[in-house]
């Protein structure tokens, strides 16, 4: 199991107390595009997905955003496996 898979599994088990570097590492591994124009939020998107996810770039990141990120990655994996 590689580092990104371990990170995703850990986020799935416990969505509390994650930092933006971990989120960015996981997003980049899965091919999500990250936009941050110097503001207080990061926007995660992918060309295969219709929706995007906006996460406030402060610590700690609320569990709601981690759950949504995991769901977004699951959707992306489902699309790329079919």
Protein backbone atom coordinates (compact mmCIF):
# COMPACT_ATOMS: atom_id res chain seq x y z
CA UNK A 1 0.00 0.00 0.00
CA UNK A 2 1.56 3.31 -1.03
CA UNK A 3 1.61 6.51 1.00
CA UNK A 4 -1.37 8.10 -0.79
CA UNK A 5 -3.49 4.98 -0.25
CA UNK A 6 -2.56 4.94 3.44
CA UNK A 7 -3.41 8.63 3.71
CA UNK A 8 -6.79 8.13 2.03
CA UNK A 9 -7.54 5.18 4.29
CA UNK A 10 -6.60 7.20 7.38
CA UNK A 11 -8.80 10.10 6.26
CA UNK A 12 -11.66 7.70 5.66
CA UNK A 13 -11.29 6.24 9.19
CA UNK A 14 -10.81 9.54 11.01
CA UNK A 15 -11.65 12.83 9.23
CA UNK A 16 -10.53 14.98 12.19
CA UNK A 17 -7.43 17.17 12.49
CA UNK A 18 -5.95 17.11 8.98
CA UNK A 19 -3.72 19.85 7.61
CA UNK A 20 -3.60 21.37 4.15
CA UNK A 21 -0.22 19.77 3.17
CA UNK A 22 -1.76 16.30 3.64
CA UNK A 23 -4.84 17.28 1.64
CA UNK A 24 -2.70 18.74 -1.16
CA UNK A 25 -0.48 15.63 -1.29
CA UNK A 26 -3.52 13.36 -1.61
CA UNK A 27 -5.21 15.58 -4.20
CA UNK A 28 -2.11 15.81 -6.39
CA UNK A 29 -1.59 12.05 -6.24
CA UNK A 30 -5.11 11.49 -7.58
CA UNK A 31 -4.75 14.09 -10.33
CA UNK A 32 -6.98 16.76 -8.85
CA UNK A 33 -6.25 20.30 -9.98
CA UNK A 34 -5.66 22.72 -7.12
CA UNK A 35 -6.34 26.43 -7.43
CA UNK A 36 -5.37 28.96 -4.79
CA UNK A 37 -5.01 32.52 -6.01
CA UNK A 38 -3.52 33.76 -2.76
CA UNK A 39 -6.89 33.68 -1.02
CA UNK A 40 -8.05 31.83 2.03
CA UNK A 41 -9.51 28.83 0.14
CA UNK A 42 -8.23 26.08 -2.16
CA UNK A 43 -10.43 24.78 -4.96
CA UNK A 44 -10.05 21.15 -6.04
CA UNK A 45 -11.39 20.00 -9.41
CA UNK A 46 -10.84 17.41 -12.13
CA UNK A 47 -11.83 17.47 -15.83
CA UNK A 48 -13.78 14.19 -15.48
CA UNK A 49 -15.91 15.52 -12.62
CA UNK A 50 -18.69 18.07 -12.96
CA UNK A 51 -18.36 19.34 -9.41
CA UNK A 52 -15.51 20.95 -7.52
CA UNK A 53 -14.64 21.21 -3.84
CA UNK A 54 -13.66 24.39 -2.03
CA UNK A 55 -11.77 23.96 1.25
CA UNK A 56 -10.77 26.79 3.60
CA UNK A 57 -6.99 26.74 3.87
CA UNK A 58 -6.79 27.02 7.65
CA UNK A 59 -5.87 24.53 10.28
CA UNK A 60 -7.51 22.34 11.38
CA UNK A 61 -9.68 21.52 8.39
CA UNK A 62 -13.20 20.59 9.45
CA UNK A 63 -14.16 16.90 9.08
CA UNK A 64 -16.94 17.84 6.65
CA UNK A 65 -14.39 18.94 4.05
CA UNK A 66 -12.28 15.80 4.50
CA UNK A 67 -15.36 13.61 4.01
CA UNK A 68 -16.22 15.54 0.85
CA UNK A 69 -12.65 15.15 -0.45
CA UNK A 70 -12.77 11.39 0.13
CA UNK A 71 -16.12 11.24 -1.72
CA UNK A 72 -14.67 13.26 -4.60
CA UNK A 73 -11.70 10.89 -4.88
CA UNK A 74 -14.02 7.87 -4.73
CA UNK A 75 -16.07 9.32 -7.61
CA UNK A 76 -12.90 9.92 -9.60
CA UNK A 77 -11.67 6.37 -9.00
CA UNK A 78 -15.04 4.96 -10.06
CA UNK A 79 -14.92 6.96 -13.31
CA UNK A 80 -11.35 6.00 -14.13
CA UNK A 81 -11.92 2.30 -13.44
CA UNK A 82 -14.89 2.06 -15.81
